[in-house]
């Protein structure tokens, strides 16, 4: 019985599935932000039904509105400025002298040419999704070449192990290619599908087959396995490169989102301080004091920049945790769904 990992696309899909990962990685960040803010708003409103000091009493006796919302103004301005500054420092790594830029360009072109030579393509697509598609397709082709070479193998155990391995590679490759077909860089789809190709396990399994059956493998089969491993080795750097670009893209989006949402949030804070006190909006709606509805909405507006920051960083941190190790190493955190987040 083969000891090769043959999880294929089913286990990989299961490992990357689940509601928690869908929320952390795939859910639109603005929808995620809105959901969190809605939950907070509902909790604040429902708290008014508890036997606590009424909000209007606190506002009338302790000037609670000014005390609460004046602190938000400094926090929003300072927090937004700090986050945007940090993001700009990260993005400043893209700046440099002409020599540095030329070296980066040369390294990028050399890497692209190396992959083209390995997968036997005259020219590879410039789009990240299409480029990864071609690379995964090349890996699938190497697997089929290995299968063809081993079809007349007399060692049934070796043949079964190679067959399981090829099924794992081709199944996972086809699964990822289907996801990459309509993916556009700038959305999370490209990185999500790149995460679903467990190349580290495939490198390990190929090396294990070659080591365990060193004497039984023909010279040509050894060459096919070596080509398989060589092609797989390119997937790690390619994924890391596009992951880095995606992180920079997301940091830019985060900076813009904070700038967009901070001005309305500050405006709401000013309105709450200037126009709302214990005599405002007397009466109730649905059994809740109108002041509770308004104050809760103001609080949610005040924390909205922080919640936007949290939702973006959660995705970046989750992807970074999944891709801590590049190469043949398989970290427990990278392989187990329950450790993510």
C-alpha atoms as a PDB file:
ATOM      1  CA  UNK A   1       0.000   0.000   0.000  1.00  0.00           C
ATOM      2  CA  UNK A   2       1.383   3.423  -0.971  1.00  0.00           C
ATOM      3  CA  UNK A   3       2.426   5.819   1.732  1.00  0.00           C
ATOM      4  CA  UNK A   4       2.392   8.730  -0.636  1.00  0.00           C
ATOM      5  CA  UNK A   5       0.065  11.536   0.385  1.00  0.00           C
ATOM      6  CA  UNK A   6      -2.803  11.426  -2.040  1.00  0.00           C
ATOM      7  CA  UNK A   7      -5.025  14.043  -0.511  1.00  0.00           C
ATOM      8  CA  UNK A   8      -5.721  15.546  -3.911  1.00  0.00           C
ATOM      9  CA  UNK A   9      -8.094  18.360  -4.497  1.00  0.00           C
ATOM     10  CA  UNK A  10     -10.743  17.003  -2.111  1.00  0.00           C
ATOM     11  CA  UNK A  11      -8.676  17.199   1.086  1.00  0.00           C
ATOM     12  CA  UNK A  12      -7.087  20.444  -0.020  1.00  0.00           C
ATOM     13  CA  UNK A  13     -10.498  21.945  -0.617  1.00  0.00           C
ATOM     14  CA  UNK A  14     -11.719  20.691   2.758  1.00  0.00           C
ATOM     15  CA  UNK A  15      -8.652  22.069   4.500  1.00  0.00           C
ATOM     16  CA  UNK A  16      -9.212  25.481   2.969  1.00  0.00           C
ATOM     17  CA  UNK A  17     -12.969  25.348   3.411  1.00  0.00           C
ATOM     18  CA  UNK A  18     -15.144  26.051   6.380  1.00  0.00           C
ATOM     19  CA  UNK A  19     -17.010  29.111   7.525  1.00  0.00           C
ATOM     20  CA  UNK A  20     -14.126  30.548   9.542  1.00  0.00           C
ATOM     21  CA  UNK A  21     -11.690  30.562   6.641  1.00  0.00           C
ATOM     22  CA  UNK A  22     -14.374  31.844   4.290  1.00  0.00           C
ATOM     23  CA  UNK A  23     -14.926  34.806   6.597  1.00  0.00           C
ATOM     24  CA  UNK A  24     -11.215  35.408   7.232  1.00  0.00           C
ATOM     25  CA  UNK A  25     -10.061  35.133   3.638  1.00  0.00           C
ATOM     26  CA  UNK A  26     -12.818  35.273   1.058  1.00  0.00           C
ATOM     27  CA  UNK A  27     -15.567  37.509   2.428  1.00  0.00           C
ATOM     28  CA  UNK A  28     -15.537  41.046   1.000  1.00  0.00           C
ATOM     29  CA  UNK A  29     -13.777  43.316   3.499  1.00  0.00           C
ATOM     30  CA  UNK A  30     -16.513  45.956   3.432  1.00  0.00           C
ATOM     31  CA  UNK A  31     -19.203  43.331   4.012  1.00  0.00           C
ATOM     32  CA  UNK A  32     -17.121  41.889   6.856  1.00  0.00           C
ATOM     33  CA  UNK A  33     -16.703  45.360   8.347  1.00  0.00           C
ATOM     34  CA  UNK A  34     -20.413  46.085   8.038  1.00  0.00           C
ATOM     35  CA  UNK A  35     -21.315  42.790   9.716  1.00  0.00           C
ATOM     36  CA  UNK A  36     -19.037  43.469  12.698  1.00  0.00           C
ATOM     37  CA  UNK A  37     -20.371  47.007  13.105  1.00  0.00           C
ATOM     38  CA  UNK A  38     -23.953  45.756  12.890  1.00  0.00           C
ATOM     39  CA  UNK A  39     -23.319  43.202  15.644  1.00  0.00           C
ATOM     40  CA  UNK A  40     -21.789  45.883  17.867  1.00  0.00           C
ATOM     41  CA  UNK A  41     -24.721  48.209  17.186  1.00  0.00           C
ATOM     42  CA  UNK A  42     -27.271  45.527  18.070  1.00  0.00           C
ATOM     43  CA  UNK A  43     -25.394  44.638  21.274  1.00  0.00           C
ATOM     44  CA  UNK A  44     -25.334  48.287  22.368  1.00  0.00           C
ATOM     45  CA  UNK A  45     -29.051  48.721  21.716  1.00  0.00           C
ATOM     46  CA  UNK A  46     -30.032  45.462  23.423  1.00  0.00           C
ATOM     47  CA  UNK A  47     -27.939  46.384  26.459  1.00  0.00           C
ATOM     48  CA  UNK A  48     -30.414  49.184  27.141  1.00  0.00           C
ATOM     49  CA  UNK A  49     -32.942  46.520  28.176  1.00  0.00           C
ATOM     50  CA  UNK A  50     -30.729  45.402  31.055  1.00  0.00           C
ATOM     51  CA  UNK A  51     -31.298  46.843  34.504  1.00  0.00           C
ATOM     52  CA  UNK A  52     -28.455  49.354  34.184  1.00  0.00           C
ATOM     53  CA  UNK A  53     -28.301  53.115  34.572  1.00  0.00           C
ATOM     54  CA  UNK A  54     -30.283  54.661  31.673  1.00  0.00           C
ATOM     55  CA  UNK A  55     -28.106  56.336  29.056  1.00  0.00           C
ATOM     56  CA  UNK A  56     -30.095  59.573  29.193  1.00  0.00           C
ATOM     57  CA  UNK A  57     -29.412  59.839  32.937  1.00  0.00           C
ATOM     58  CA  UNK A  58     -25.683  59.392  32.357  1.00  0.00           C
ATOM     59  CA  UNK A  59     -25.704  62.013  29.595  1.00  0.00           C
ATOM     60  CA  UNK A  60     -27.651  64.526  31.679  1.00  0.00           C
ATOM     61  CA  UNK A  61     -25.640  64.113  34.890  1.00  0.00           C
ATOM     62  CA  UNK A  62     -22.135  63.297  33.667  1.00  0.00           C
ATOM     63  CA  UNK A  63     -21.953  64.923  30.218  1.00  0.00           C
ATOM     64  CA  UNK A  64     -21.396  61.441  28.799  1.00  0.00           C
ATOM     65  CA  UNK A  65     -21.705  62.401  25.127  1.00  0.00           C
ATOM     66  CA  UNK A  66     -18.790  64.837  25.143  1.00  0.00           C
ATOM     67  CA  UNK A  67     -16.698  62.535  27.332  1.00  0.00           C
ATOM     68  CA  UNK A  68     -17.224  59.582  24.974  1.00  0.00           C
ATOM     69  CA  UNK A  69     -17.009  61.166  21.544  1.00  0.00           C
ATOM     70  CA  UNK A  70     -14.296  63.780  22.112  1.00  0.00           C
ATOM     71  CA  UNK A  71     -11.824  60.943  22.694  1.00  0.00           C
ATOM     72  CA  UNK A  72     -12.707  59.464  19.307  1.00  0.00           C
ATOM     73  CA  UNK A  73     -11.522  62.550  17.430  1.00  0.00           C
ATOM     74  CA  UNK A  74      -7.924  62.257  18.592  1.00  0.00           C
ATOM     75  CA  UNK A  75      -7.955  58.482  18.238  1.00  0.00           C
ATOM     76  CA  UNK A  76      -9.225  58.563  14.653  1.00  0.00           C
ATOM     77  CA  UNK A  77      -6.768  61.242  13.530  1.00  0.00           C
ATOM     78  CA  UNK A  78      -3.782  59.650  15.261  1.00  0.00           C
ATOM     79  CA  UNK A  79      -4.647  56.074  14.318  1.00  0.00           C
ATOM     80  CA  UNK A  80      -5.275  56.858  10.666  1.00  0.00           C
ATOM     81  CA  UNK A  81      -2.072  58.876  10.397  1.00  0.00           C
ATOM     82  CA  UNK A  82       0.029  56.137  11.998  1.00  0.00           C
ATOM     83  CA  UNK A  83      -1.414  53.328   9.852  1.00  0.00           C
ATOM     84  CA  UNK A  84      -1.051  55.279   6.623  1.00  0.00           C
ATOM     85  CA  UNK A  85       2.522  56.232   7.551  1.00  0.00           C
ATOM     86  CA  UNK A  86       3.475  52.624   8.297  1.00  0.00           C
ATOM     87  CA  UNK A  87       1.932  51.486   5.031  1.00  0.00           C
ATOM     88  CA  UNK A  88       3.861  54.115   3.132  1.00  0.00           C
ATOM     89  CA  UNK A  89       7.096  52.948   4.757  1.00  0.00           C
ATOM     90  CA  UNK A  90       6.357  49.404   3.607  1.00  0.00           C
ATOM     91  CA  UNK A  91       5.553  50.562   0.100  1.00  0.00           C
ATOM     92  CA  UNK A  92       8.668  52.766  -0.002  1.00  0.00           C
ATOM     93  CA  UNK A  93      10.664  49.569  -0.496  1.00  0.00           C
ATOM     94  CA  UNK A  94       9.476  49.752  -4.103  1.00  0.00           C
ATOM     95  CA  UNK A  95      11.451  52.965  -4.534  1.00  0.00           C
ATOM     96  CA  UNK A  96      15.141  52.897  -5.298  1.00  0.00           C
ATOM     97  CA  UNK A  97      17.996  53.917  -7.551  1.00  0.00           C
ATOM     98  CA  UNK A  98      18.010  52.960 -11.218  1.00  0.00           C
ATOM     99  CA  UNK A  99      20.584  50.247 -10.545  1.00  0.00           C
ATOM    100  CA  UNK A 100      18.393  48.586  -7.940  1.00  0.00           C
ATOM    101  CA  UNK A 101      15.362  48.772 -10.204  1.00  0.00           C
ATOM    102  CA  UNK A 102      17.360  47.306 -13.081  1.00  0.00           C
ATOM    103  CA  UNK A 103      18.540  44.404 -10.918  1.00  0.00           C
ATOM    104  CA  UNK A 104      14.965  43.687  -9.878  1.00  0.00           C
ATOM    105  CA  UNK A 105      13.848  43.804 -13.483  1.00  0.00           C
ATOM    106  CA  UNK A 106      16.623  41.439 -14.554  1.00  0.00           C
ATOM    107  CA  UNK A 107      15.850  38.999 -11.744  1.00  0.00           C
ATOM    108  CA  UNK A 108      12.153  39.020 -12.645  1.00  0.00           C
ATOM    109  CA  UNK A 109      12.867  38.433 -16.335  1.00  0.00           C
ATOM    110  CA  UNK A 110      15.371  35.660 -15.577  1.00  0.00           C
ATOM    111  CA  UNK A 111      12.848  33.915 -13.353  1.00  0.00           C
ATOM    112  CA  UNK A 112      10.186  34.156 -16.048  1.00  0.00           C
ATOM    113  CA  UNK A 113      12.581  32.741 -18.671  1.00  0.00           C
ATOM    114  CA  UNK A 114      13.592  29.886 -16.360  1.00  0.00           C
ATOM    115  CA  UNK A 115       9.972  28.877 -15.900  1.00  0.00           C
ATOM    116  CA  UNK A 116       9.312  29.134 -19.632  1.00  0.00           C
ATOM    117  CA  UNK A 117      12.248  26.812 -20.293  1.00  0.00           C
ATOM    118  CA  UNK A 118      11.066  24.367 -17.643  1.00  0.00           C
ATOM    119  CA  UNK A 119       7.456  24.153 -18.833  1.00  0.00           C
ATOM    120  CA  UNK A 120       8.560  24.362 -22.483  1.00  0.00           C
ATOM    121  CA  UNK A 121       6.645  27.514 -23.377  1.00  0.00           C
ATOM    122  CA  UNK A 122       7.993  30.102 -25.822  1.00  0.00           C
ATOM    123  CA  UNK A 123       6.447  32.954 -23.855  1.00  0.00           C
ATOM    124  CA  UNK A 124       4.389  33.014 -20.677  1.00  0.00           C
ATOM    125  CA  UNK A 125       1.384  35.279 -20.012  1.00  0.00           C
ATOM    126  CA  UNK A 126       2.046  38.580 -18.207  1.00  0.00           C
ATOM    127  CA  UNK A 127      -1.073  38.348 -16.029  1.00  0.00           C
ATOM    128  CA  UNK A 128      -0.424  36.700 -12.621  1.00  0.00           C
ATOM    129  CA  UNK A 129      -3.449  34.379 -12.814  1.00  0.00           C
ATOM    130  CA  UNK A 130      -2.628  33.226 -16.348  1.00  0.00           C
ATOM    131  CA  UNK A 131       1.059  32.844 -15.457  1.00  0.00           C
ATOM    132  CA  UNK A 132       0.241  30.612 -12.483  1.00  0.00           C
ATOM    133  CA  UNK A 133      -2.213  28.691 -14.666  1.00  0.00           C
ATOM    134  CA  UNK A 134       0.558  27.914 -17.162  1.00  0.00           C
ATOM    135  CA  UNK A 135       2.938  26.889 -14.382  1.00  0.00           C
ATOM    136  CA  UNK A 136       0.389  24.555 -12.787  1.00  0.00           C
ATOM    137  CA  UNK A 137      -0.433  23.179 -16.227  1.00  0.00           C
ATOM    138  CA  UNK A 138       3.280  22.508 -16.760  1.00  0.00           C
ATOM    139  CA  UNK A 139       3.407  20.630 -13.451  1.00  0.00           C
ATOM    140  CA  UNK A 140       0.411  18.576 -14.526  1.00  0.00           C
ATOM    141  CA  UNK A 141       2.133  17.781 -17.825  1.00  0.00           C
ATOM    142  CA  UNK A 142       5.282  16.622 -16.000  1.00  0.00           C
ATOM    143  CA  UNK A 143       3.100  14.314 -13.900  1.00  0.00           C
ATOM    144  CA  UNK A 144       1.498  12.791 -16.987  1.00  0.00           C
ATOM    145  CA  UNK A 145       4.921  12.252 -18.556  1.00  0.00           C
ATOM    146  CA  UNK A 146       5.973  10.398 -15.409  1.00  0.00           C
ATOM    147  CA  UNK A 147       2.816   8.291 -15.559  1.00  0.00           C
ATOM    148  CA  UNK A 148       3.467   7.438 -19.202  1.00  0.00           C
ATOM    149  CA  UNK A 149       7.036   6.412 -18.416  1.00  0.00           C
ATOM    150  CA  UNK A 150       5.892   4.123 -15.596  1.00  0.00           C
ATOM    151  CA  UNK A 151       2.957   2.427 -17.340  1.00  0.00           C
ATOM    152  CA  UNK A 152       5.040  -0.676 -18.201  1.00  0.00           C
ATOM    153  CA  UNK A 153       6.676  -0.892 -14.760  1.00  0.00           C
ATOM    154  CA  UNK A 154       6.771  -4.470 -13.473  1.00  0.00           C
ATOM    155  CA  UNK A 155       7.030  -3.508  -9.806  1.00  0.00           C
ATOM    156  CA  UNK A 156       3.340  -3.269  -8.934  1.00  0.00           C
ATOM    157  CA  UNK A 157       3.994  -1.515  -5.629  1.00  0.00           C
ATOM    158  CA  UNK A 158       6.084   1.172  -7.310  1.00  0.00           C
ATOM    159  CA  UNK A 159       3.589   1.567 -10.129  1.00  0.00           C
ATOM    160  CA  UNK A 160       0.703   1.936  -7.665  1.00  0.00           C
ATOM    161  CA  UNK A 161       2.628   4.536  -5.665  1.00  0.00           C
ATOM    162  CA  UNK A 162       3.428   6.549  -8.779  1.00  0.00           C
ATOM    163  CA  UNK A 163      -0.173   6.263  -9.983  1.00  0.00           C
ATOM    164  CA  UNK A 164      -1.458   7.590  -6.652  1.00  0.00           C
ATOM    165  CA  UNK A 165       1.051  10.421  -6.811  1.00  0.00           C
ATOM    166  CA  UNK A 166       0.096  11.367 -10.370  1.00  0.00           C
ATOM    167  CA  UNK A 167      -3.603  11.317  -9.490  1.00  0.00           C
ATOM    168  CA  UNK A 168      -2.886  13.624  -6.560  1.00  0.00           C
ATOM    169  CA  UNK A 169      -0.911  16.069  -8.706  1.00  0.00           C
ATOM    170  CA  UNK A 170      -3.264  16.113 -11.686  1.00  0.00           C
ATOM    171  CA  UNK A 171      -6.404  16.308  -9.549  1.00  0.00           C
ATOM    172  CA  UNK A 172      -5.074  19.192  -7.464  1.00  0.00           C
ATOM    173  CA  UNK A 173      -3.675  20.925 -10.568  1.00  0.00           C
ATOM    174  CA  UNK A 174      -6.982  20.745 -12.433  1.00  0.00           C
ATOM    175  CA  UNK A 175      -8.815  22.013  -9.363  1.00  0.00           C
ATOM    176  CA  UNK A 176      -6.505  25.036  -9.106  1.00  0.00           C
ATOM    177  CA  UNK A 177      -6.557  25.725 -12.851  1.00  0.00           C
ATOM    178  CA  UNK A 178     -10.348  25.859 -12.821  1.00  0.00           C
ATOM    179  CA  UNK A 179     -10.193  28.508 -10.104  1.00  0.00           C
ATOM    180  CA  UNK A 180      -7.521  30.555 -11.882  1.00  0.00           C
ATOM    181  CA  UNK A 181      -9.301  30.763 -15.229  1.00  0.00           C
ATOM    182  CA  UNK A 182     -11.455  33.780 -14.351  1.00  0.00           C
ATOM    183  CA  UNK A 183      -9.336  35.182 -11.515  1.00  0.00           C
ATOM    184  CA  UNK A 184      -8.154  38.783 -11.691  1.00  0.00           C
ATOM    185  CA  UNK A 185      -5.203  40.165  -9.762  1.00  0.00           C
ATOM    186  CA  UNK A 186      -6.278  42.731  -7.203  1.00  0.00           C
ATOM    187  CA  UNK A 187      -8.998  40.423  -5.997  1.00  0.00           C
ATOM    188  CA  UNK A 188      -8.208  37.669  -3.523  1.00  0.00           C
ATOM    189  CA  UNK A 189      -9.042  34.953  -6.075  1.00  0.00           C
ATOM    190  CA  UNK A 190      -5.483  34.642  -7.436  1.00  0.00           C
ATOM    191  CA  UNK A 191      -3.871  34.160  -4.024  1.00  0.00           C
ATOM    192  CA  UNK A 192      -6.726  31.949  -2.827  1.00  0.00           C
ATOM    193  CA  UNK A 193      -6.234  29.522  -5.706  1.00  0.00           C
ATOM    194  CA  UNK A 194      -2.451  29.622  -5.338  1.00  0.00           C
ATOM    195  CA  UNK A 195      -2.902  28.578  -1.710  1.00  0.00           C
ATOM    196  CA  UNK A 196      -4.898  25.558  -2.825  1.00  0.00           C
ATOM    197  CA  UNK A 197      -1.921  23.964  -4.599  1.00  0.00           C
ATOM    198  CA  UNK A 198       0.053  22.084  -1.926  1.00  0.00           C
ATOM    199  CA  UNK A 199       3.363  21.993  -3.804  1.00  0.00           C
ATOM    200  CA  UNK A 200       5.437  21.331  -0.660  1.00  0.00           C
ATOM    201  CA  UNK A 201       3.736  17.988  -0.097  1.00  0.00           C
ATOM    202  CA  UNK A 202       4.172  17.082  -3.756  1.00  0.00           C
ATOM    203  CA  UNK A 203       7.908  17.812  -3.649  1.00  0.00           C
ATOM    204  CA  UNK A 204       8.241  15.683  -0.527  1.00  0.00           C
ATOM    205  CA  UNK A 205       6.284  12.790  -2.036  1.00  0.00           C
ATOM    206  CA  UNK A 206       8.291  12.852  -5.275  1.00  0.00           C
ATOM    207  CA  UNK A 207      11.567  12.792  -3.354  1.00  0.00           C
ATOM    208  CA  UNK A 208      10.285   9.965  -1.179  1.00  0.00           C
ATOM    209  CA  UNK A 209       9.392   7.859  -4.224  1.00  0.00           C
ATOM    210  CA  UNK A 210      12.817   8.464  -5.729  1.00  0.00           C
ATOM    211  CA  UNK A 211      14.620   7.613  -2.473  1.00  0.00           C
ATOM    212  CA  UNK A 212      12.593   4.518  -1.578  1.00  0.00           C
ATOM    213  CA  UNK A 213      12.812   3.054  -5.083  1.00  0.00           C
ATOM    214  CA  UNK A 214      16.264   4.223  -6.125  1.00  0.00           C
ATOM    215  CA  UNK A 215      17.255   0.800  -7.443  1.00  0.00           C
ATOM    216  CA  UNK A 216      13.954   0.007  -9.139  1.00  0.00           C
ATOM    217  CA  UNK A 217      13.564   3.249 -11.078  1.00  0.00           C
ATOM    218  CA  UNK A 218      14.952   3.348 -14.591  1.00  0.00           C
ATOM    219  CA  UNK A 219      17.270   6.142 -15.661  1.00  0.00           C
ATOM    220  CA  UNK A 220      14.486   7.743 -17.689  1.00  0.00           C
ATOM    221  CA  UNK A 221      12.032   7.507 -14.775  1.00  0.00           C
ATOM    222  CA  UNK A 222      14.606   9.176 -12.535  1.00  0.00           C
ATOM    223  CA  UNK A 223      14.883  11.997 -15.062  1.00  0.00           C
ATOM    224  CA  UNK A 224      11.106  12.393 -15.157  1.00  0.00           C
ATOM    225  CA  UNK A 225      10.956  12.601 -11.357  1.00  0.00           C
ATOM    226  CA  UNK A 226      13.780  15.144 -11.329  1.00  0.00           C
ATOM    227  CA  UNK A 227      11.943  17.272 -13.894  1.00  0.00           C
ATOM    228  CA  UNK A 228       8.799  16.949 -11.795  1.00  0.00           C
ATOM    229  CA  UNK A 229      10.589  18.210  -8.692  1.00  0.00           C
ATOM    230  CA  UNK A 230      12.340  20.980 -10.625  1.00  0.00           C
ATOM    231  CA  UNK A 231       9.037  22.280 -12.008  1.00  0.00           C
ATOM    232  CA  UNK A 232       7.377  22.116  -8.592  1.00  0.00           C
ATOM    233  CA  UNK A 233      10.236  24.111  -7.081  1.00  0.00           C
ATOM    234  CA  UNK A 234       9.313  27.116  -9.211  1.00  0.00           C
ATOM    235  CA  UNK A 235       5.804  27.313  -7.802  1.00  0.00           C
ATOM    236  CA  UNK A 236       6.959  28.445  -4.348  1.00  0.00           C
ATOM    237  CA  UNK A 237       8.897  31.553  -5.479  1.00  0.00           C
ATOM    238  CA  UNK A 238       6.165  32.405  -7.994  1.00  0.00           C
ATOM    239  CA  UNK A 239       3.471  32.249  -5.322  1.00  0.00           C
ATOM    240  CA  UNK A 240       5.589  34.249  -2.871  1.00  0.00           C
ATOM    241  CA  UNK A 241       6.213  36.940  -5.488  1.00  0.00           C
ATOM    242  CA  UNK A 242       2.533  37.389  -6.253  1.00  0.00           C
ATOM    243  CA  UNK A 243       1.705  37.180  -2.546  1.00  0.00           C
ATOM    244  CA  UNK A 244       4.092  40.078  -1.875  1.00  0.00           C
ATOM    245  CA  UNK A 245       2.503  42.123  -4.651  1.00  0.00           C
ATOM    246  CA  UNK A 246      -0.935  41.306  -3.259  1.00  0.00           C
ATOM    247  CA  UNK A 247       0.079  42.404   0.242  1.00  0.00           C
ATOM    248  CA  UNK A 248       1.264  45.730  -1.152  1.00  0.00           C
ATOM    249  CA  UNK A 249      -1.986  46.040  -3.096  1.00  0.00           C
ATOM    250  CA  UNK A 250      -3.994  45.351   0.061  1.00  0.00           C
ATOM    251  CA  UNK A 251      -1.991  47.867   2.100  1.00  0.00           C
ATOM    252  CA  UNK A 252      -2.762  50.507  -0.505  1.00  0.00           C
ATOM    253  CA  UNK A 253      -6.448  49.563  -0.344  1.00  0.00           C
ATOM    254  CA  UNK A 254      -6.302  49.736   3.457  1.00  0.00           C
ATOM    255  CA  UNK A 255      -4.770  53.213   3.391  1.00  0.00           C
ATOM    256  CA  UNK A 256      -7.399  54.440   0.955  1.00  0.00           C
ATOM    257  CA  UNK A 257     -10.223  52.845   2.941  1.00  0.00           C
ATOM    258  CA  UNK A 258      -9.074  54.494   6.169  1.00  0.00           C
ATOM    259  CA  UNK A 259      -8.795  57.867   4.465  1.00  0.00           C
ATOM    260  CA  UNK A 260     -12.257  57.483   2.937  1.00  0.00           C
ATOM    261  CA  UNK A 261     -13.956  56.466   6.187  1.00  0.00           C
ATOM    262  CA  UNK A 262     -12.099  58.739   8.621  1.00  0.00           C
ATOM    263  CA  UNK A 263     -13.595  62.024   7.411  1.00  0.00           C
ATOM    264  CA  UNK A 264     -17.236  60.849   7.725  1.00  0.00           C
ATOM    265  CA  UNK A 265     -16.410  59.318  11.112  1.00  0.00           C
ATOM    266  CA  UNK A 266     -14.918  62.599  12.334  1.00  0.00           C
ATOM    267  CA  UNK A 267     -17.961  64.465  11.029  1.00  0.00           C
ATOM    268  CA  UNK A 268     -20.289  62.194  12.994  1.00  0.00           C
ATOM    269  CA  UNK A 269     -18.189  62.722  16.125  1.00  0.00           C
ATOM    270  CA  UNK A 270     -18.470  66.489  15.714  1.00  0.00           C
ATOM    271  CA  UNK A 271     -22.249  66.266  15.257  1.00  0.00           C
ATOM    272  CA  UNK A 272     -22.618  64.137  18.377  1.00  0.00           C
ATOM    273  CA  UNK A 273     -20.562  66.561  20.484  1.00  0.00           C
ATOM    274  CA  UNK A 274     -22.140  69.740  19.118  1.00  0.00           C
ATOM    275  CA  UNK A 275     -25.809  68.834  18.831  1.00  0.00           C
ATOM    276  CA  UNK A 276     -26.647  65.908  21.131  1.00  0.00           C
ATOM    277  CA  UNK A 277     -27.268  66.128  24.866  1.00  0.00           C
ATOM    278  CA  UNK A 278     -29.686  64.833  27.484  1.00  0.00           C
ATOM    279  CA  UNK A 279     -32.609  66.847  26.090  1.00  0.00           C
ATOM    280  CA  UNK A 280     -32.209  65.625  22.507  1.00  0.00           C
ATOM    281  CA  UNK A 281     -34.597  63.212  20.768  1.00  0.00           C
ATOM    282  CA  UNK A 282     -36.998  62.627  23.614  1.00  0.00           C
ATOM    283  CA  UNK A 283     -39.200  59.551  23.416  1.00  0.00           C
ATOM    284  CA  UNK A 284     -38.744  55.929  22.423  1.00  0.00           C
ATOM    285  CA  UNK A 285     -38.811  53.786  19.283  1.00  0.00           C
ATOM    286  CA  UNK A 286     -39.554  50.060  19.544  1.00  0.00           C
ATOM    287  CA  UNK A 287     -39.241  50.376  23.293  1.00  0.00           C
ATOM    288  CA  UNK A 288     -35.737  51.852  23.125  1.00  0.00           C
ATOM    289  CA  UNK A 289     -34.864  55.435  24.046  1.00  0.00           C
ATOM    290  CA  UNK A 290     -34.158  57.447  20.885  1.00  0.00           C
ATOM    291  CA  UNK A 291     -30.937  58.667  22.468  1.00  0.00           C
ATOM    292  CA  UNK A 292     -29.728  55.060  22.664  1.00  0.00           C
ATOM    293  CA  UNK A 293     -30.341  54.557  18.935  1.00  0.00           C
ATOM    294  CA  UNK A 294     -28.434  57.714  18.022  1.00  0.00           C
ATOM    295  CA  UNK A 295     -25.580  57.306  20.497  1.00  0.00           C
ATOM    296  CA  UNK A 296     -25.050  53.678  19.487  1.00  0.00           C
ATOM    297  CA  UNK A 297     -24.901  54.717  15.823  1.00  0.00           C
ATOM    298  CA  UNK A 298     -22.383  57.424  16.694  1.00  0.00           C
ATOM    299  CA  UNK A 299     -20.213  54.950  18.593  1.00  0.00           C
ATOM    300  CA  UNK A 300     -20.275  52.526  15.663  1.00  0.00           C
ATOM    301  CA  UNK A 301     -19.235  55.339  13.322  1.00  0.00           C
ATOM    302  CA  UNK A 302     -16.381  56.220  15.676  1.00  0.00           C
ATOM    303  CA  UNK A 303     -14.906  52.719  15.745  1.00  0.00           C
ATOM    304  CA  UNK A 304     -15.466  52.052  12.023  1.00  0.00           C
ATOM    305  CA  UNK A 305     -11.884  52.996  10.971  1.00  0.00           C
ATOM    306  CA  UNK A 306     -10.501  50.555  13.546  1.00  0.00           C
ATOM    307  CA  UNK A 307     -12.828  47.767  12.360  1.00  0.00           C
ATOM    308  CA  UNK A 308     -11.768  48.374   8.743  1.00  0.00           C
ATOM    309  CA  UNK A 309      -8.153  48.052   9.863  1.00  0.00           C
ATOM    310  CA  UNK A 310      -8.918  44.792  11.697  1.00  0.00           C
ATOM    311  CA  UNK A 311     -10.680  43.154   8.735  1.00  0.00           C
ATOM    312  CA  UNK A 312      -7.835  43.909   6.312  1.00  0.00           C
ATOM    313  CA  UNK A 313      -5.092  42.834   8.712  1.00  0.00           C
ATOM    314  CA  UNK A 314      -6.942  39.610   9.558  1.00  0.00           C
ATOM    315  CA  UNK A 315      -6.741  38.500   5.924  1.00  0.00           C
ATOM    316  CA  UNK A 316      -3.117  39.544   5.477  1.00  0.00           C
ATOM    317  CA  UNK A 317      -2.112  37.800   8.708  1.00  0.00           C
ATOM    318  CA  UNK A 318      -4.061  34.642   7.822  1.00  0.00           C
ATOM    319  CA  UNK A 319      -2.389  34.376   4.410  1.00  0.00           C
ATOM    320  CA  UNK A 320       1.037  35.062   5.938  1.00  0.00           C
ATOM    321  CA  UNK A 321       0.491  32.314   8.511  1.00  0.00           C
ATOM    322  CA  UNK A 322      -0.487  29.830   5.810  1.00  0.00           C
ATOM    323  CA  UNK A 323       2.663  30.577   3.808  1.00  0.00           C
ATOM    324  CA  UNK A 324       5.297  30.836   6.542  1.00  0.00           C
ATOM    325  CA  UNK A 325       7.470  28.102   5.030  1.00  0.00           C
ATOM    326  CA  UNK A 326       8.531  28.145   1.390  1.00  0.00           C
ATOM    327  CA  UNK A 327       9.888  24.934  -0.080  1.00  0.00           C
ATOM    328  CA  UNK A 328       9.614  21.324   1.084  1.00  0.00           C
ATOM    329  CA  UNK A 329       8.832  22.198   4.701  1.00  0.00           C
ATOM    330  CA  UNK A 330       5.237  21.705   5.849  1.00  0.00           C
ATOM    331  CA  UNK A 331       4.436  23.599   9.021  1.00  0.00           C
ATOM    332  CA  UNK A 332       1.661  22.331  11.259  1.00  0.00           C
ATOM    333  CA  UNK A 333       0.050  25.768  11.069  1.00  0.00           C
ATOM    334  CA  UNK A 334       0.134  25.616   7.270  1.00  0.00           C
ATOM    335  CA  UNK A 335      -1.476  22.216   7.062  1.00  0.00           C
ATOM    336  CA  UNK A 336      -4.244  22.281   9.663  1.00  0.00           C
ATOM    337  CA  UNK A 337      -7.399  24.273   9.266  1.00  0.00           C
ATOM    338  CA  UNK A 338      -8.046  24.474  12.981  1.00  0.00           C
ATOM    339  CA  UNK A 339      -4.768  26.310  13.613  1.00  0.00           C
ATOM    340  CA  UNK A 340      -5.538  29.103  11.147  1.00  0.00           C
ATOM    341  CA  UNK A 341      -6.582  32.550  12.117  1.00  0.00           C
END
